Amino acid sequence: VFAIVIPFLYVGTQISKSFAALLEEHDI
């Protein structure tokens, strides 16, 4: 369970960080 949850949780945080930066860059 941990071998699946931790990598996908990390990938999800990276995607959300990049999307938040994109929204802030375009002043949305």
PDB file of all heavy atoms in Angstrom:
ATOM      1  N   VAL A   1       0.842  -1.201   0.000  1.00  0.00           N
ATOM      2  CA  VAL A   1       0.000   0.000   0.000  1.00  0.00           C
ATOM      3  C   VAL A   1       0.872   1.243   0.000  1.00  0.00           C
ATOM      4  O   VAL A   1       0.664   2.177  -0.775  1.00  0.00           O
ATOM      5  CB  VAL A   1      -0.965  -0.013   1.208  1.00  0.00           C
ATOM      6  CG1 VAL A   1      -1.621   1.335   1.397  1.00  0.00           C
ATOM      7  CG2 VAL A   1      -2.006  -1.089   1.033  1.00  0.00           C
ATOM      8  N   PHE A   2       1.859   1.280   0.887  1.00  0.00           N
ATOM      9  CA  PHE A   2       2.744   2.446   0.947  1.00  0.00           C
ATOM     10  C   PHE A   2       3.574   2.593  -0.326  1.00  0.00           C
ATOM     11  O   PHE A   2       3.871   3.703  -0.744  1.00  0.00           O
ATOM     12  CB  PHE A   2       3.655   2.379   2.163  1.00  0.00           C
ATOM     13  CG  PHE A   2       2.945   2.697   3.443  1.00  0.00           C
ATOM     14  CD1 PHE A   2       3.034   1.839   4.520  1.00  0.00           C
ATOM     15  CD2 PHE A   2       2.179   3.835   3.557  1.00  0.00           C
ATOM     16  CE1 PHE A   2       2.380   2.120   5.701  1.00  0.00           C
ATOM     17  CE2 PHE A   2       1.515   4.128   4.736  1.00  0.00           C
ATOM     18  CZ  PHE A   2       1.619   3.272   5.815  1.00  0.00           C
ATOM     19  N   ALA A   3       3.951   1.482  -0.935  1.00  0.00           N
ATOM     20  CA  ALA A   3       4.732   1.546  -2.175  1.00  0.00           C
ATOM     21  C   ALA A   3       3.932   2.147  -3.321  1.00  0.00           C
ATOM     22  O   ALA A   3       4.496   2.689  -4.262  1.00  0.00           O
ATOM     23  CB  ALA A   3       5.224   0.156  -2.561  1.00  0.00           C
ATOM     24  N   ILE A   4       2.619   2.076  -3.258  1.00  0.00           N
ATOM     25  CA  ILE A   4       1.769   2.672  -4.284  1.00  0.00           C
ATOM     26  C   ILE A   4       1.358   4.085  -3.899  1.00  0.00           C
ATOM     27  O   ILE A   4       1.395   5.007  -4.724  1.00  0.00           O
ATOM     28  CB  ILE A   4       0.520   1.796  -4.528  1.00  0.00           C
ATOM     29  CG1 ILE A   4       0.920   0.427  -5.062  1.00  0.00           C
ATOM     30  CG2 ILE A   4      -0.456   2.471  -5.458  1.00  0.00           C
ATOM     31  CD1 ILE A   4       1.644   0.446  -6.384  1.00  0.00           C
ATOM     32  N   VAL A   5       0.970   4.294  -2.650  1.00  0.00           N
ATOM     33  CA  VAL A   5       0.420   5.577  -2.227  1.00  0.00           C
ATOM     34  C   VAL A   5       1.467   6.687  -2.252  1.00  0.00           C
ATOM     35  O   VAL A   5       1.211   7.784  -2.771  1.00  0.00           O
ATOM     36  CB  VAL A   5      -0.213   5.452  -0.822  1.00  0.00           C
ATOM     37  CG1 VAL A   5      -0.540   6.805  -0.245  1.00  0.00           C
ATOM     38  CG2 VAL A   5      -1.454   4.601  -0.896  1.00  0.00           C
ATOM     39  N   ILE A   6       2.646   6.448  -1.716  1.00  0.00           N
ATOM     40  CA  ILE A   6       3.648   7.514  -1.585  1.00  0.00           C
ATOM     41  C   ILE A   6       4.093   8.056  -2.941  1.00  0.00           C
ATOM     42  O   ILE A   6       4.109   9.273  -3.135  1.00  0.00           O
ATOM     43  CB  ILE A   6       4.826   7.032  -0.717  1.00  0.00           C
ATOM     44  CG1 ILE A   6       4.339   6.890   0.729  1.00  0.00           C
ATOM     45  CG2 ILE A   6       6.007   7.987  -0.793  1.00  0.00           C
ATOM     46  CD1 ILE A   6       5.331   6.299   1.671  1.00  0.00           C
ATOM     47  N   PRO A   7       4.460   7.236  -3.930  1.00  0.00           N
ATOM     48  CA  PRO A   7       4.850   7.825  -5.223  1.00  0.00           C
ATOM     49  C   PRO A   7       3.720   8.593  -5.908  1.00  0.00           C
ATOM     50  O   PRO A   7       3.952   9.678  -6.457  1.00  0.00           O
ATOM     51  CB  PRO A   7       5.266   6.620  -6.070  1.00  0.00           C
ATOM     52  CG  PRO A   7       5.589   5.560  -5.112  1.00  0.00           C
ATOM     53  CD  PRO A   7       4.725   5.791  -3.927  1.00  0.00           C
ATOM     54  N   PHE A   8       2.500   8.067  -5.864  1.00  0.00           N
ATOM     55  CA  PHE A   8       1.407   8.765  -6.521  1.00  0.00           C
ATOM     56  C   PHE A   8       1.018  10.031  -5.769  1.00  0.00           C
ATOM     57  O   PHE A   8       0.598  11.013  -6.371  1.00  0.00           O
ATOM     58  CB  PHE A   8       0.199   7.835  -6.697  1.00  0.00           C
ATOM     59  CG  PHE A   8       0.357   6.904  -7.862  1.00  0.00           C
ATOM     60  CD1 PHE A   8       0.762   5.598  -7.672  1.00  0.00           C
ATOM     61  CD2 PHE A   8       0.123   7.348  -9.147  1.00  0.00           C
ATOM     62  CE1 PHE A   8       0.920   4.744  -8.749  1.00  0.00           C
ATOM     63  CE2 PHE A   8       0.273   6.503 -10.232  1.00  0.00           C
ATOM     64  CZ  PHE A   8       0.675   5.192 -10.036  1.00  0.00           C
ATOM     65  N   LEU A   9       1.166  10.035  -4.457  1.00  0.00           N
ATOM     66  CA  LEU A   9       0.931  11.243  -3.685  1.00  0.00           C
ATOM     67  C   LEU A   9       1.961  12.307  -4.043  1.00  0.00           C
ATOM     68  O   LEU A   9       1.632  13.486  -4.193  1.00  0.00           O
ATOM     69  CB  LEU A   9       0.985  10.924  -2.189  1.00  0.00           C
ATOM     70  CG  LEU A   9       0.480  11.967  -1.233  1.00  0.00           C
ATOM     71  CD1 LEU A   9      -0.996  12.239  -1.483  1.00  0.00           C
ATOM     72  CD2 LEU A   9       0.694  11.510   0.192  1.00  0.00           C
ATOM     73  N   TYR A  10       3.208  11.906  -4.215  1.00  0.00           N
ATOM     74  CA  TYR A  10       4.259  12.843  -4.610  1.00  0.00           C
ATOM     75  C   TYR A  10       3.996  13.395  -6.008  1.00  0.00           C
ATOM     76  O   TYR A  10       4.124  14.602  -6.244  1.00  0.00           O
ATOM     77  CB  TYR A  10       5.619  12.138  -4.560  1.00  0.00           C
ATOM     78  CG  TYR A  10       6.757  13.031  -4.993  1.00  0.00           C
ATOM     79  CD1 TYR A  10       7.222  14.029  -4.163  1.00  0.00           C
ATOM     80  CD2 TYR A  10       7.346  12.866  -6.240  1.00  0.00           C
ATOM     81  CE1 TYR A  10       8.263  14.861  -4.562  1.00  0.00           C
ATOM     82  CE2 TYR A  10       8.375  13.681  -6.649  1.00  0.00           C
ATOM     83  CZ  TYR A  10       8.834  14.676  -5.808  1.00  0.00           C
ATOM     84  OH  TYR A  10       9.852  15.489  -6.206  1.00  0.00           O
ATOM     85  N   VAL A  11       3.626  12.542  -6.942  1.00  0.00           N
ATOM     86  CA  VAL A  11       3.326  12.994  -8.306  1.00  0.00           C
ATOM     87  C   VAL A  11       2.141  13.947  -8.297  1.00  0.00           C
ATOM     88  O   VAL A  11       2.140  14.970  -8.997  1.00  0.00           O
ATOM     89  CB  VAL A  11       3.067  11.785  -9.239  1.00  0.00           C
ATOM     90  CG1 VAL A  11       2.495  12.223 -10.573  1.00  0.00           C
ATOM     91  CG2 VAL A  11       4.344  10.998  -9.444  1.00  0.00           C
ATOM     92  N   GLY A  12       1.130  13.670  -7.485  1.00  0.00           N
ATOM     93  CA  GLY A  12      -0.021  14.549  -7.388  1.00  0.00           C
ATOM     94  C   GLY A  12       0.331  15.915  -6.837  1.00  0.00           C
ATOM     95  O   GLY A  12      -0.175  16.940  -7.307  1.00  0.00           O
ATOM     96  N   THR A  13       1.217  15.959  -5.850  1.00  0.00           N
ATOM     97  CA  THR A  13       1.629  17.260  -5.311  1.00  0.00           C
ATOM     98  C   THR A  13       2.434  18.041  -6.331  1.00  0.00           C
ATOM     99  O   THR A  13       2.295  19.270  -6.426  1.00  0.00           O
ATOM    100  CB  THR A  13       2.440  17.101  -4.020  1.00  0.00           C
ATOM    101  OG1 THR A  13       3.572  16.275  -4.266  1.00  0.00           O
ATOM    102  CG2 THR A  13       1.604  16.517  -2.913  1.00  0.00           C
ATOM    103  N   GLN A  14       3.263  17.368  -7.102  1.00  0.00           N
ATOM    104  CA  GLN A  14       4.039  18.068  -8.127  1.00  0.00           C
ATOM    105  C   GLN A  14       3.134  18.639  -9.211  1.00  0.00           C
ATOM    106  O   GLN A  14       3.337  19.755  -9.691  1.00  0.00           O
ATOM    107  CB  GLN A  14       5.089  17.136  -8.743  1.00  0.00           C
ATOM    108  CG  GLN A  14       6.157  16.688  -7.768  1.00  0.00           C
ATOM    109  CD  GLN A  14       6.889  17.860  -7.149  1.00  0.00           C
ATOM    110  OE1 GLN A  14       7.252  18.825  -7.817  1.00  0.00           O
ATOM    111  NE2 GLN A  14       7.086  17.785  -5.852  1.00  0.00           N
ATOM    112  N   ILE A  15       2.131  17.888  -9.612  1.00  0.00           N
ATOM    113  CA  ILE A  15       1.185  18.372 -10.620  1.00  0.00           C
ATOM    114  C   ILE A  15       0.414  19.567 -10.088  1.00  0.00           C
ATOM    115  O   ILE A  15       0.235  20.575 -10.787  1.00  0.00           O
ATOM    116  CB  ILE A  15       0.233  17.236 -11.057  1.00  0.00           C
ATOM    117  CG1 ILE A  15       1.004  16.183 -11.854  1.00  0.00           C
ATOM    118  CG2 ILE A  15      -0.930  17.776 -11.868  1.00  0.00           C
ATOM    119  CD1 ILE A  15       0.215  14.932 -12.138  1.00  0.00           C
ATOM    120  N   SER A  16      -0.044  19.510  -8.839  1.00  0.00           N
ATOM    121  CA  SER A  16      -0.813  20.621  -8.285  1.00  0.00           C
ATOM    122  C   SER A  16       0.055  21.859  -8.090  1.00  0.00           C
ATOM    123  O   SER A  16      -0.419  22.980  -8.288  1.00  0.00           O
ATOM    124  CB  SER A  16      -1.476  20.217  -6.966  1.00  0.00           C
ATOM    125  OG  SER A  16      -0.495  19.913  -5.998  1.00  0.00           O
ATOM    126  N   LYS A  17       1.321  21.669  -7.715  1.00  0.00           N
ATOM    127  CA  LYS A  17       2.217  22.822  -7.587  1.00  0.00           C
ATOM    128  C   LYS A  17       2.442  23.496  -8.933  1.00  0.00           C
ATOM    129  O   LYS A  17       2.416  24.731  -9.033  1.00  0.00           O
ATOM    130  CB  LYS A  17       3.559  22.384  -6.997  1.00  0.00           C
ATOM    131  CG  LYS A  17       3.547  22.242  -5.496  1.00  0.00           C
ATOM    132  CD  LYS A  17       4.819  21.666  -4.923  1.00  0.00           C
ATOM    133  CE  LYS A  17       6.078  22.301  -5.442  1.00  0.00           C
ATOM    134  NZ  LYS A  17       7.280  21.741  -4.809  1.00  0.00           N
ATOM    135  N   SER A  18       2.642  22.704  -9.980  1.00  0.00           N
ATOM    136  CA  SER A  18       2.875  23.298 -11.298  1.00  0.00           C
ATOM    137  C   SER A  18       1.604  23.967 -11.832  1.00  0.00           C
ATOM    138  O   SER A  18       1.676  25.014 -12.476  1.00  0.00           O
ATOM    139  CB  SER A  18       3.380  22.247 -12.284  1.00  0.00           C
ATOM    140  OG  SER A  18       2.411  21.254 -12.489  1.00  0.00           O
ATOM    141  N   PHE A  19       0.448  23.403 -11.542  1.00  0.00           N
ATOM    142  CA  PHE A  19      -0.801  24.009 -11.983  1.00  0.00           C
ATOM    143  C   PHE A  19      -1.076  25.301 -11.216  1.00  0.00           C
ATOM    144  O   PHE A  19      -1.562  26.282 -11.795  1.00  0.00           O
ATOM    145  CB  PHE A  19      -1.957  23.026 -11.820  1.00  0.00           C
ATOM    146  CG  PHE A  19      -3.220  23.473 -12.490  1.00  0.00           C
ATOM    147  CD1 PHE A  19      -3.302  23.541 -13.868  1.00  0.00           C
ATOM    148  CD2 PHE A  19      -4.319  23.838 -11.747  1.00  0.00           C
ATOM    149  CE1 PHE A  19      -4.463  23.958 -14.495  1.00  0.00           C
ATOM    150  CE2 PHE A  19      -5.486  24.262 -12.354  1.00  0.00           C
ATOM    151  CZ  PHE A  19      -5.550  24.323 -13.734  1.00  0.00           C
ATOM    152  N   ALA A  20      -0.767  25.331  -9.926  1.00  0.00           N
ATOM    153  CA  ALA A  20      -0.934  26.564  -9.148  1.00  0.00           C
ATOM    154  C   ALA A  20       0.005  27.644  -9.651  1.00  0.00           C
ATOM    155  O   ALA A  20      -0.367  28.827  -9.726  1.00  0.00           O
ATOM    156  CB  ALA A  20      -0.694  26.284  -7.674  1.00  0.00           C
ATOM    157  N   ALA A  21       1.230  27.282 -10.023  1.00  0.00           N
ATOM    158  CA  ALA A  21       2.159  28.263 -10.580  1.00  0.00           C
ATOM    159  C   ALA A  21       1.668  28.784 -11.930  1.00  0.00           C
ATOM    160  O   ALA A  21       1.799  29.977 -12.230  1.00  0.00           O
ATOM    161  CB  ALA A  21       3.545  27.635 -10.730  1.00  0.00           C
ATOM    162  N   LEU A  22       1.070  27.919 -12.732  1.00  0.00           N
ATOM    163  CA  LEU A  22       0.516  28.335 -14.015  1.00  0.00           C
ATOM    164  C   LEU A  22      -0.637  29.314 -13.819  1.00  0.00           C
ATOM    165  O   LEU A  22      -0.729  30.331 -14.516  1.00  0.00           O
ATOM    166  CB  LEU A  22       0.041  27.102 -14.798  1.00  0.00           C
ATOM    167  CG  LEU A  22      -0.602  27.381 -16.154  1.00  0.00           C
ATOM    168  CD1 LEU A  22       0.486  27.689 -17.172  1.00  0.00           C
ATOM    169  CD2 LEU A  22      -1.432  26.203 -16.600  1.00  0.00           C
ATOM    170  N   LEU A  23      -1.515  29.028 -12.860  1.00  0.00           N
ATOM    171  CA  LEU A  23      -2.622  29.938 -12.580  1.00  0.00           C
ATOM    172  C   LEU A  23      -2.122  31.295 -12.083  1.00  0.00           C
ATOM    173  O   LEU A  23      -2.650  32.335 -12.463  1.00  0.00           O
ATOM    174  CB  LEU A  23      -3.565  29.319 -11.540  1.00  0.00           C
ATOM    175  CG  LEU A  23      -4.394  28.128 -11.995  1.00  0.00           C
ATOM    176  CD1 LEU A  23      -5.187  27.587 -10.819  1.00  0.00           C
ATOM    177  CD2 LEU A  23      -5.307  28.503 -13.133  1.00  0.00           C
ATOM    178  N   GLU A  24      -1.112  31.275 -11.244  1.00  0.00           N
ATOM    179  CA  GLU A  24      -0.572  32.535 -10.734  1.00  0.00           C
ATOM    180  C   GLU A  24       0.151  33.309 -11.825  1.00  0.00           C
ATOM    181  O   GLU A  24       0.096  34.535 -11.875  1.00  0.00           O
ATOM    182  CB  GLU A  24       0.368  32.244  -9.563  1.00  0.00           C
ATOM    183  CG  GLU A  24       0.784  33.486  -8.814  1.00  0.00           C
ATOM    184  CD  GLU A  24       1.557  33.156  -7.567  1.00  0.00           C
ATOM    185  OE1 GLU A  24       1.641  31.981  -7.178  1.00  0.00           O
ATOM    186  OE2 GLU A  24       2.095  34.109  -6.979  1.00  0.00           O
ATOM    187  N   GLU A  25       0.806  32.604 -12.722  1.00  0.00           N
ATOM    188  CA  GLU A  25       1.525  33.262 -13.826  1.00  0.00           C
ATOM    189  C   GLU A  25       0.568  33.984 -14.760  1.00  0.00           C
ATOM    190  O   GLU A  25       0.870  35.067 -15.264  1.00  0.00           O
ATOM    191  CB  GLU A  25       2.319  32.200 -14.604  1.00  0.00           C
ATOM    192  CG  GLU A  25       3.082  32.734 -15.794  1.00  0.00           C
ATOM    193  CD  GLU A  25       3.791  31.624 -16.546  1.00  0.00           C
ATOM    194  OE1 GLU A  25       4.149  30.608 -15.922  1.00  0.00           O
ATOM    195  OE2 GLU A  25       3.957  31.779 -17.769  1.00  0.00           O
ATOM    196  N   HIS A  26      -0.591  33.411 -14.993  1.00  0.00           N
ATOM    197  CA  HIS A  26      -1.566  34.019 -15.895  1.00  0.00           C
ATOM    198  C   HIS A  26      -2.581  34.902 -15.156  1.00  0.00           C
ATOM    199  O   HIS A  26      -3.591  35.288 -15.729  1.00  0.00           O
ATOM    200  CB  HIS A  26      -2.305  32.918 -16.680  1.00  0.00           C
ATOM    201  CG  HIS A  26      -1.427  32.210 -17.661  1.00  0.00           C
ATOM    202  ND1 HIS A  26      -0.968  32.795 -18.815  1.00  0.00           N
ATOM    203  CD2 HIS A  26      -0.893  30.959 -17.645  1.00  0.00           C
ATOM    204  CE1 HIS A  26      -0.216  31.941 -19.480  1.00  0.00           C
ATOM    205  NE2 HIS A  26      -0.148  30.803 -18.783  1.00  0.00           N
ATOM    206  N   ASP A  27      -2.312  35.205 -13.904  1.00  0.00           N
ATOM    207  CA  ASP A  27      -3.153  36.065 -13.067  1.00  0.00           C
ATOM    208  C   ASP A  27      -4.601  35.575 -12.997  1.00  0.00           C
ATOM    209  O   ASP A  27      -5.537  36.370 -12.916  1.00  0.00           O
ATOM    210  CB  ASP A  27      -3.126  37.514 -13.554  1.00  0.00           C
ATOM    211  CG  ASP A  27      -1.769  38.159 -13.331  1.00  0.00           C
ATOM    212  OD1 ASP A  27      -1.090  37.737 -12.368  1.00  0.00           O
ATOM    213  OD2 ASP A  27      -1.403  39.057 -14.104  1.00  0.00           O
ATOM    214  N   ILE A  28      -4.791  34.270 -13.042  1.00  0.00           N
ATOM    215  CA  ILE A  28      -6.125  33.705 -12.885  1.00  0.00           C
ATOM    216  C   ILE A  28      -6.448  33.598 -11.396  1.00  0.00           C
ATOM    217  O   ILE A  28      -7.530  33.940 -10.963  1.00  0.00           O
ATOM    218  CB  ILE A  28      -6.225  32.335 -13.578  1.00  0.00           C
ATOM    219  CG1 ILE A  28      -6.025  32.520 -15.085  1.00  0.00           C
ATOM    220  CG2 ILE A  28      -7.556  31.666 -13.290  1.00  0.00           C
ATOM    221  CD1 ILE A  28      -5.923  31.226 -15.852  1.00  0.00           C
TER     222      ILE A  28
END
